[in-house]
Protein backbone atom coordinates (compact mmCIF):
# COMPACT_ATOMS: atom_id res chain seq x y z
CA MET A 1 2.26 4.03 -5.59
CA ASN A 2 5.76 4.87 -4.09
CA ILE A 3 7.25 2.66 -1.03
CA PHE A 4 10.27 4.08 0.53
CA GLY A 5 11.33 1.39 3.20
CA LYS A 6 11.44 -2.75 2.45
CA GLY A 7 7.86 -3.50 1.07
CA ASN A 8 6.30 -6.65 -0.50
CA VAL A 9 3.79 -5.96 -3.30
CA VAL A 10 1.51 -8.91 -4.10
CA VAL A 11 -0.88 -8.40 -7.41
CA THR A 12 -3.27 -11.02 -8.69
CA GLY A 13 -5.29 -11.48 -11.68
CA LYS A 14 -7.91 -13.74 -12.76
CA GLY A 15 -6.96 -17.09 -13.55
CA LYS A 16 -4.48 -19.56 -12.46
CA GLY A 17 -1.03 -18.52 -12.43
CA ASN A 18 -1.72 -14.59 -12.47
CA VAL A 19 0.20 -13.70 -9.18
CA ILE A 20 2.99 -11.15 -9.17
CA ARG A 21 5.27 -10.90 -6.05
CA VAL A 22 7.68 -8.20 -5.93
CA ASN A 23 10.27 -6.94 -3.34
CA GLY A 24 12.52 -4.12 -2.82
CA ASN A 25 13.33 -1.16 -0.93
CA ASN A 26 11.79 1.62 -3.67
CA ILE A 27 8.97 0.13 -5.36
CA CYS A 28 6.75 2.18 -7.85
CA ILE A 29 3.67 1.22 -9.63
CA SER A 30 2.64 3.78 -12.05
CA ASN A 31 0.57 3.46 -15.34
CA GLY A 32 0.33 -0.07 -14.46
CA VAL A 33 4.19 -0.70 -14.79
CA VAL A 34 6.01 -2.22 -11.71
CA THR A 35 9.54 -0.53 -10.96
CA ILE A 36 11.73 -1.96 -8.15
CA ASN A 37 14.65 0.14 -7.55
CA GLY A 38 14.76 1.49 -10.89
CA LYS A 39 14.32 -1.61 -12.81
CA LYS A 40 10.86 -2.41 -15.04
CA TYR A 41 9.67 -5.71 -13.98
CA THR A 42 6.18 -6.18 -15.42
CA ASP A 43 2.95 -4.32 -16.94
CA LEU A 44 0.03 -5.01 -14.79
CA ASN A 45 -2.15 -3.69 -17.52
CA GLU A 46 -1.45 -7.51 -18.80
CA LEU A 47 -3.32 -8.93 -15.77
CA PRO A 48 -7.25 -9.13 -16.00
CA ASP A 49 -9.08 -7.76 -13.31
CA LYS A 50 -5.89 -7.37 -11.25
CA GLU A 51 -6.19 -6.97 -7.41
CA ILE A 52 -3.17 -5.01 -5.46
CA LYS A 53 -2.46 -6.06 -2.03
CA ILE A 54 0.43 -4.20 -0.48
CA ILE A 55 2.24 -5.59 2.56
CA VAL A 56 5.17 -3.66 4.10
CA GLU A 57 7.33 -5.87 6.36
CA GLY A 58 9.04 -3.14 8.60
CA ASN A 59 8.77 0.31 8.92
CA VAL A 60 7.89 2.63 6.01
CA GLU A 61 8.55 6.57 5.77
CA GLU A 62 6.38 7.50 3.00
CA LEU A 63 3.54 5.29 0.95
CA THR A 64 1.53 6.79 -1.32
CA VAL A 65 -1.10 4.85 -3.69
CA ASP A 66 -3.60 5.48 -6.03
CA MET A 67 -5.69 2.60 -5.58
CA CYS A 68 -5.30 -0.80 -3.84
CA GLU A 69 -7.32 -3.23 -2.33
CA SER A 70 -5.43 -2.92 0.78
CA ILE A 71 -2.47 -1.68 2.49
CA GLU A 72 -0.68 -3.34 5.49
CA VAL A 73 2.19 -2.12 7.30
CA ASN A 74 3.72 -4.48 9.68
CA GLY A 75 5.84 -1.65 11.52
CA SER A 76 5.32 1.89 12.06
CA ALA A 77 4.87 4.67 9.26
CA GLY A 78 5.52 7.99 8.55
CA ASN A 79 2.71 9.05 6.20
CA VAL A 80 0.26 6.47 4.45
CA SER A 81 -2.20 7.83 1.83
CA THR A 82 -4.44 6.05 -0.75
CA HIS A 83 -7.60 7.03 -2.75
CA ASN A 84 -9.27 3.78 -2.55
CA GLY A 85 -8.20 0.68 -0.20
CA ASN A 86 -8.06 -0.27 3.49
CA VAL A 87 -5.15 0.68 5.66
CA SER A 88 -3.94 -1.40 8.41
CA ILE A 89 -0.59 -0.36 10.48
CA SER A 90 0.50 -2.42 13.21
CA GLN A 91 2.42 0.20 14.94
CA GLY A 92 2.12 3.78 15.42
CA VAL A 93 2.26 6.44 12.83
CA ASN A 94 4.25 9.23 12.91
CA GLY A 95 2.57 11.81 10.22
CA ASN A 96 -1.02 11.29 8.69
CA VAL A 97 -2.88 8.63 7.48
CA ARG A 98 -5.56 9.42 4.42
CA THR A 99 -8.13 7.47 2.58
CA HIS A 100 -11.41 8.23 0.54
CA ASN A 101 -12.94 4.89 0.52
CA GLY A 102 -11.41 2.57 3.04
CA ASN A 103 -11.13 1.58 6.50
CA VAL A 104 -7.88 2.55 8.83
CA VAL A 105 -6.78 0.48 11.69
CA CYS A 106 -3.66 1.52 13.20
CA GLY A 107 -2.04 2.64 16.88
CA PRO A 108 -1.25 6.15 17.79
CA VAL A 109 -0.75 8.96 15.38
CA GLY A 110 1.15 12.08 15.46
CA GLY A 111 -0.83 13.54 12.72
CA SER A 112 -4.44 13.06 11.59
CA VAL A 113 -6.25 10.17 10.21
CA ASP A 114 -8.80 10.86 7.52
CA THR A 115 -11.29 8.72 5.64
CA HIS A 116 -14.69 9.84 3.79
CA ASN A 117 -16.11 6.32 3.34
CA GLY A 118 -14.85 3.75 5.92
CA ASN A 119 -14.17 3.48 9.72
CA ILE A 120 -11.41 4.60 11.69
CA ILE A 121 -10.06 2.32 14.48
CA HIS A 122 -7.28 2.91 16.98
CA ARG A 123 -5.71 -0.06 18.64
């Protein structure tokens, strides 16, 4: 996953105290490792039954995610793509939105919206 813009990522795991909240302008989760602005912070593989929720406060240029529970952009977006997960964008999308398994809720779209197993709802 890569976020280019100001973002927050919330990761929860089974059991009390297994919550990770991260903020940054460039957040990457790859192979279970969270990297923020180039610095490694935590290994998600240590969390049992993890659940990833991505919340971007503001506009995002590009957001690409392999898998998450949900993506919420509180602003506008360029391109947003995930294989699994629901996508909600409060404002317009300049590019494309894609998810294989999940719903898409957004404002006006300059490109296209595609989901194989889900609903598309325009605000």
